[in-house]
Protein backbone atom coordinates (compact mmCIF):
# COMPACT_ATOMS: atom_id res chain seq x y z
CA UNK A 1 -0.05 -0.02 -0.01
CA UNK A 2 1.24 3.46 -0.97
CA UNK A 3 -0.60 6.30 0.60
CA UNK A 4 -0.67 9.27 -1.80
CA UNK A 5 -3.03 11.74 -0.08
CA UNK A 6 -5.27 12.27 2.85
CA UNK A 7 -8.43 14.27 3.71
CA UNK A 8 -11.45 15.17 1.50
CA UNK A 9 -13.24 18.30 0.36
CA UNK A 10 -16.45 16.59 -0.83
CA UNK A 11 -18.57 16.95 2.34
CA UNK A 12 -21.03 14.08 1.95
CA UNK A 13 -23.81 14.31 4.52
CA UNK A 14 -23.04 10.93 6.10
CA UNK A 15 -19.25 11.29 6.32
CA UNK A 16 -17.10 12.55 9.21
CA UNK A 17 -13.79 12.39 7.36
CA UNK A 18 -13.52 16.10 6.38
CA UNK A 19 -13.95 16.94 10.10
CA UNK A 20 -11.78 14.08 11.44
CA UNK A 21 -8.92 14.21 8.85
CA UNK A 22 -9.23 17.73 7.42
CA UNK A 23 -9.34 18.93 3.90
CA UNK A 24 -7.74 17.10 0.94
CA UNK A 25 -3.93 17.34 0.72
CA UNK A 26 -1.57 15.46 -1.50
CA UNK A 27 1.75 13.92 -0.52
CA UNK A 28 4.97 15.32 -1.84
CA UNK A 29 5.67 13.62 -5.18
CA UNK A 30 9.45 13.17 -4.64
CA UNK A 31 8.91 11.62 -1.23
CA UNK A 32 6.13 9.36 -2.62
CA UNK A 33 8.32 8.17 -5.50
CA UNK A 34 11.24 7.54 -3.11
CA UNK A 35 9.07 5.24 -1.00
CA UNK A 36 7.85 3.43 -4.17
CA UNK A 37 11.46 2.89 -5.20
CA UNK A 38 12.31 1.50 -1.76
CA UNK A 39 9.30 -0.90 -2.02
CA UNK A 40 10.53 -2.10 -5.40
CA UNK A 41 14.06 -2.71 -3.95
CA UNK A 42 12.49 -4.72 -1.11
CA UNK A 43 10.95 -6.98 -3.76
CA UNK A 44 7.29 -5.87 -3.81
CA UNK A 45 5.80 -6.42 -7.23
CA UNK A 46 2.45 -4.63 -6.81
CA UNK A 47 1.77 -1.19 -5.30
CA UNK A 48 -1.74 -0.10 -4.41
CA UNK A 49 -2.46 3.61 -4.36
CA UNK A 50 -4.46 4.48 -1.27
CA UNK A 51 -5.90 7.55 0.38
CA UNK A 52 -9.26 9.09 1.32
CA UNK A 53 -9.91 10.70 -2.18
CA UNK A 54 -7.09 9.35 -4.38
CA UNK A 55 -8.40 10.90 -7.62
CA UNK A 56 -7.81 14.45 -6.26
CA UNK A 57 -4.06 13.92 -6.10
CA UNK A 58 -2.09 17.03 -7.19
CA UNK A 59 1.49 17.82 -6.40
CA UNK A 60 4.42 19.16 -8.32
CA UNK A 61 2.25 19.69 -11.37
CA UNK A 62 1.21 15.96 -11.33
CA UNK A 63 -2.36 14.86 -11.08
CA UNK A 64 -3.39 11.19 -10.60
CA UNK A 65 -2.51 10.52 -14.28
CA UNK A 66 0.95 12.01 -13.89
CA UNK A 67 1.49 10.10 -10.71
CA UNK A 68 0.66 6.79 -12.31
CA UNK A 69 2.95 7.58 -15.22
CA UNK A 70 5.82 8.35 -12.88
CA UNK A 71 5.25 5.11 -10.93
CA UNK A 72 5.13 3.22 -14.25
CA UNK A 73 8.91 3.91 -14.80
CA UNK A 74 10.02 2.27 -11.48
CA UNK A 75 11.87 -1.02 -12.27
CA UNK A 76 10.71 -3.99 -10.30
CA UNK A 77 7.14 -2.82 -9.84
CA UNK A 78 5.04 -4.93 -12.18
CA UNK A 79 1.52 -3.84 -11.10
CA UNK A 80 -0.04 -0.51 -10.17
CA UNK A 81 -3.44 -0.72 -8.68
CA UNK A 82 -5.80 2.14 -7.57
CA UNK A 83 -7.56 1.08 -4.39
CA UNK A 84 -10.76 3.19 -4.62
CA UNK A 85 -11.49 6.31 -6.60
CA UNK A 86 -14.42 8.69 -6.70
CA UNK A 87 -16.31 8.65 -10.05
CA UNK A 88 -16.04 12.39 -10.67
CA UNK A 89 -12.22 12.34 -10.27
CA UNK A 90 -11.36 9.66 -12.85
CA UNK A 91 -9.78 11.02 -16.06
CA UNK A 92 -10.76 8.96 -19.17
CA UNK A 93 -7.05 8.74 -20.01
CA UNK A 94 -6.75 6.13 -17.27
CA UNK A 95 -8.79 3.77 -19.46
CA UNK A 96 -6.05 3.96 -22.15
CA UNK A 97 -3.36 3.05 -19.65
CA UNK A 98 -5.38 0.14 -18.25
CA UNK A 99 -6.00 -1.12 -21.76
CA UNK A 100 -2.31 -0.94 -22.73
CA UNK A 101 -0.76 -4.37 -22.06
CA UNK A 102 2.63 -2.73 -21.69
CA UNK A 103 1.50 -0.44 -18.93
CA UNK A 104 1.64 -1.51 -15.32
CA UNK A 105 -1.74 -0.03 -14.38
CA UNK A 106 -4.06 -3.01 -13.97
CA UNK A 107 -7.62 -3.30 -15.42
CA UNK A 108 -9.39 -2.64 -12.17
CA UNK A 109 -11.61 0.12 -10.83
CA UNK A 110 -13.30 0.35 -7.52
CA UNK A 111 -15.77 3.34 -7.83
CA UNK A 112 -17.93 4.10 -4.80
CA UNK A 113 -21.70 4.30 -5.78
CA UNK A 114 -23.37 4.54 -2.35
CA UNK A 115 -26.91 4.37 -3.80
CA UNK A 116 -28.72 3.48 -6.98
CA UNK A 117 -31.36 6.18 -6.26
CA UNK A 118 -31.06 9.80 -7.48
CA UNK A 119 -33.15 10.88 -4.51
CA UNK A 120 -30.82 9.21 -1.94
CA UNK A 121 -27.74 10.49 -3.80
CA UNK A 122 -29.07 13.99 -3.54
CA UNK A 123 -29.66 13.51 0.24
CA UNK A 124 -26.10 12.20 0.56
CA UNK A 125 -24.85 15.26 -1.42
CA UNK A 126 -22.96 13.04 -3.86
CA UNK A 127 -21.66 14.78 -6.99
CA UNK A 128 -23.29 12.73 -9.69
CA UNK A 129 -26.62 11.21 -10.81
CA UNK A 130 -27.27 7.59 -11.62
CA UNK A 131 -27.26 8.00 -15.38
CA UNK A 132 -23.86 9.82 -15.29
CA UNK A 133 -22.42 7.02 -13.23
CA UNK A 134 -23.87 4.26 -15.42
CA UNK A 135 -22.72 5.98 -18.65
CA UNK A 136 -19.22 6.26 -17.18
CA UNK A 137 -18.80 2.67 -16.00
CA UNK A 138 -20.34 1.33 -19.28
CA UNK A 139 -17.76 3.41 -21.17
CA UNK A 140 -14.96 2.04 -18.96
CA UNK A 141 -16.12 -1.57 -19.46
CA UNK A 142 -16.28 -1.03 -23.22
CA UNK A 143 -12.78 0.49 -23.47
CA UNK A 144 -10.82 -1.69 -21.03
CA UNK A 145 -10.56 -5.46 -21.86
CA UNK A 146 -11.14 -7.69 -18.84
CA UNK A 147 -11.94 -4.80 -16.60
CA UNK A 148 -13.17 -5.63 -13.09
CA UNK A 149 -15.43 -2.92 -11.54
CA UNK A 150 -16.18 -2.94 -7.87
CA UNK A 151 -18.09 -0.46 -5.77
CA UNK A 152 -19.25 0.54 -2.32
CA UNK A 153 -22.97 0.87 -1.54
CA UNK A 154 -24.71 2.10 1.67
CA UNK A 155 -28.02 0.83 2.92
CA UNK A 156 -30.41 2.41 5.39
CA UNK A 157 -29.48 6.02 4.70
CA UNK A 158 -31.99 8.50 6.16
CA UNK A 159 -34.60 8.92 3.35
CA UNK A 160 -34.05 5.60 1.71
CA UNK A 161 -37.47 4.00 1.68
CA UNK A 162 -38.33 0.55 0.11
CA UNK A 163 -38.83 2.05 -3.34
CA UNK A 164 -35.37 3.74 -3.25
CA UNK A 165 -33.74 0.57 -1.99
CA UNK A 166 -35.39 -1.39 -4.86
CA UNK A 167 -33.83 1.10 -7.31
CA UNK A 168 -30.45 0.46 -5.88
CA UNK A 169 -31.00 -3.35 -6.18
CA UNK A 170 -32.05 -3.05 -9.79
CA UNK A 171 -29.15 -0.81 -10.70
CA UNK A 172 -26.58 -3.14 -9.15
CA UNK A 173 -28.10 -6.20 -10.83
CA UNK A 174 -28.31 -4.58 -14.26
CA UNK A 175 -25.01 -2.68 -14.31
CA UNK A 176 -21.50 -3.95 -15.33
CA UNK A 177 -20.41 -3.82 -11.71
CA UNK A 178 -18.79 -7.15 -10.68
CA UNK A 179 -18.95 -6.96 -6.88
CA UNK A 180 -19.60 -4.48 -4.12
CA UNK A 181 -18.91 -3.82 -0.46
CA UNK A 182 -22.10 -3.20 1.51
CA UNK A 183 -22.14 -0.80 4.41
CA UNK A 184 -24.96 -0.01 6.80
CA UNK A 185 -25.60 3.65 7.46
CA UNK A 186 -24.77 4.70 10.98
CA UNK A 187 -24.95 8.22 12.27
CA UNK A 188 -21.70 10.11 13.03
CA UNK A 189 -21.91 13.05 15.40
CA UNK A 190 -21.02 16.25 13.63
CA UNK A 191 -22.46 15.20 10.24
CA UNK A 192 -25.65 16.64 8.71
CA UNK A 193 -27.17 13.18 8.58
CA UNK A 194 -27.67 13.21 12.37
CA UNK A 195 -30.34 15.92 12.01
CA UNK A 196 -32.33 14.00 9.33
CA UNK A 197 -35.74 12.70 10.37
CA UNK A 198 -36.62 10.01 7.83
CA UNK A 199 -34.71 7.19 9.52
CA UNK A 200 -34.69 3.38 9.11
CA UNK A 201 -34.81 0.94 12.00
CA UNK A 202 -32.03 -1.58 12.65
CA UNK A 203 -34.02 -4.56 11.30
CA UNK A 204 -34.76 -2.83 7.99
CA UNK A 205 -31.06 -1.89 7.59
CA UNK A 206 -29.96 -5.44 8.46
CA UNK A 207 -32.38 -7.00 5.95
CA UNK A 208 -31.29 -4.62 3.15
CA UNK A 209 -27.66 -5.32 3.92
CA UNK A 210 -28.20 -9.12 3.63
CA UNK A 211 -30.07 -8.73 0.34
CA UNK A 212 -27.25 -6.77 -1.34
CA UNK A 213 -24.57 -9.09 0.02
CA UNK A 214 -26.26 -11.98 -1.76
CA UNK A 215 -26.51 -9.95 -4.96
CA UNK A 216 -22.83 -9.09 -4.76
CA UNK A 217 -21.89 -12.74 -4.23
CA UNK A 218 -23.82 -13.81 -7.23
CA UNK A 219 -22.30 -11.12 -9.46
CA UNK A 220 -18.78 -11.93 -8.32
CA UNK A 221 -19.32 -15.55 -9.09
CA UNK A 222 -20.72 -14.79 -12.55
CA UNK A 223 -17.61 -12.61 -13.19
CA UNK A 224 -15.35 -15.47 -12.07
CA UNK A 225 -17.17 -18.10 -14.08
CA UNK A 226 -16.48 -16.11 -17.30
CA UNK A 227 -12.79 -16.90 -16.88
CA UNK A 228 -12.99 -20.64 -16.18
CA UNK A 229 -10.70 -22.41 -18.65
CA UNK A 230 -8.57 -19.34 -19.32
CA UNK A 231 -4.87 -18.87 -18.52
CA UNK A 232 -4.09 -15.88 -16.28
CA UNK A 233 -1.22 -14.49 -14.30
CA UNK A 234 -1.48 -14.60 -10.51
CA UNK A 235 0.55 -12.79 -7.94
CA UNK A 236 0.66 -15.26 -5.00
CA UNK A 237 0.45 -13.87 -1.43
CA UNK A 238 -0.74 -16.44 1.19
CA UNK A 239 -0.46 -20.12 2.08
CA UNK A 240 -3.11 -22.13 3.97
CA UNK A 241 -3.96 -25.76 4.15
CA UNK A 242 -1.87 -26.78 1.17
CA UNK A 243 -3.15 -23.98 -1.06
CA UNK A 244 -1.42 -20.81 -2.16
CA UNK A 245 -3.71 -17.94 -3.04
CA UNK A 246 -3.30 -14.63 -4.76
CA UNK A 247 -4.98 -12.31 -7.31
CA UNK A 248 -5.00 -11.75 -11.02
CA UNK A 249 -4.47 -8.22 -12.33
CA UNK A 250 -8.26 -7.81 -12.58
CA UNK A 251 -8.84 -9.01 -8.96
CA UNK A 252 -9.92 -12.60 -9.35
CA UNK A 253 -8.89 -14.51 -6.21
CA UNK A 254 -7.14 -17.75 -7.25
CA UNK A 255 -5.90 -20.69 -5.19
CA UNK A 256 -3.57 -23.49 -6.32
CA UNK A 257 -2.48 -26.69 -4.57
CA UNK A 258 1.24 -26.57 -4.41
CA UNK A 259 4.09 -27.50 -2.08
CA UNK A 260 6.46 -25.02 -3.64
CA UNK A 261 7.35 -21.62 -2.26
CA UNK A 262 5.11 -19.27 -4.29
CA UNK A 263 5.01 -16.14 -2.13
CA UNK A 264 5.44 -12.92 -4.12
CA UNK A 265 5.80 -14.78 -7.42
CA UNK A 266 3.69 -14.05 -10.52
CA UNK A 267 2.94 -17.29 -12.35
CA UNK A 268 0.68 -18.30 -15.16
CA UNK A 269 -2.35 -20.31 -13.96
CA UNK A 270 -5.18 -22.10 -15.78
CA UNK A 271 -8.48 -21.50 -14.03
CA UNK A 272 -10.33 -24.77 -13.42
CA UNK A 273 -13.39 -24.39 -11.18
CA UNK A 274 -15.28 -22.03 -8.92
CA UNK A 275 -15.09 -22.64 -5.17
CA UNK A 276 -16.94 -20.26 -2.78
CA UNK A 277 -15.35 -16.80 -3.21
CA UNK A 278 -12.31 -17.88 -5.23
CA UNK A 279 -11.26 -19.93 -8.29
CA UNK A 280 -9.24 -23.07 -8.05
CA UNK A 281 -6.47 -23.15 -10.65
CA UNK A 282 -3.50 -25.14 -11.80
CA UNK A 283 -0.01 -23.69 -12.49
CA UNK A 284 0.89 -23.83 -16.21
CA UNK A 285 4.19 -25.64 -16.45
């Protein structure tokens, strides 16, 4: 993980971060690149750009695009991944880099949605409407081969009734999103959401959370199933019960049965079968 910025200026009604961590500020580019170089020298093959609002990075005349291009020149680093990025901060040029097989930026986007309802998005003070978001991710999916799109969604926000929740469900089912993290709205003192009156009870929020988790599980499995039989490259990370596991560039979790030392190695694997939330594969000799 390489932290590139902290803080946020967006002021969503449910979020305490601007008060807790302050306004958006970017890390010094030279210092950031120095750490990336040190990580490469230590043998790390993938760096993940993290922060509160990564897409707002701006330092030394370099925005998020410029930063990625600088990191692309560091020898030893083979993958660059952006952890999470707000939809209104993504330059379309990123799609070109992800689609370029010679570039280290992987075909992966995690773009917070929060709600599939324009009414709820307005209550949240998000900076986009549903059609804008959908048009953008459909364009991304069309322009980047093998792209994985993840998102964050919040249930139980003040003002989210059953109709608005149903809109969120439908949007997530129909869109090219491949998985999502589900969060339950909880009030944070100091945020505008505390003063809102149209609130949901705990049982309603719990039920909605469970529904969306099942939808996410199904969509992730459908995404994984599309790669069964293909050969992919996996960066192996962990060993447990005879299996090494790791991730493809587009965030498919893969496990192989092997007694060899695979940690931090990128190997070609043929994907064989789906198992729970990962795919069992076989190393291509």
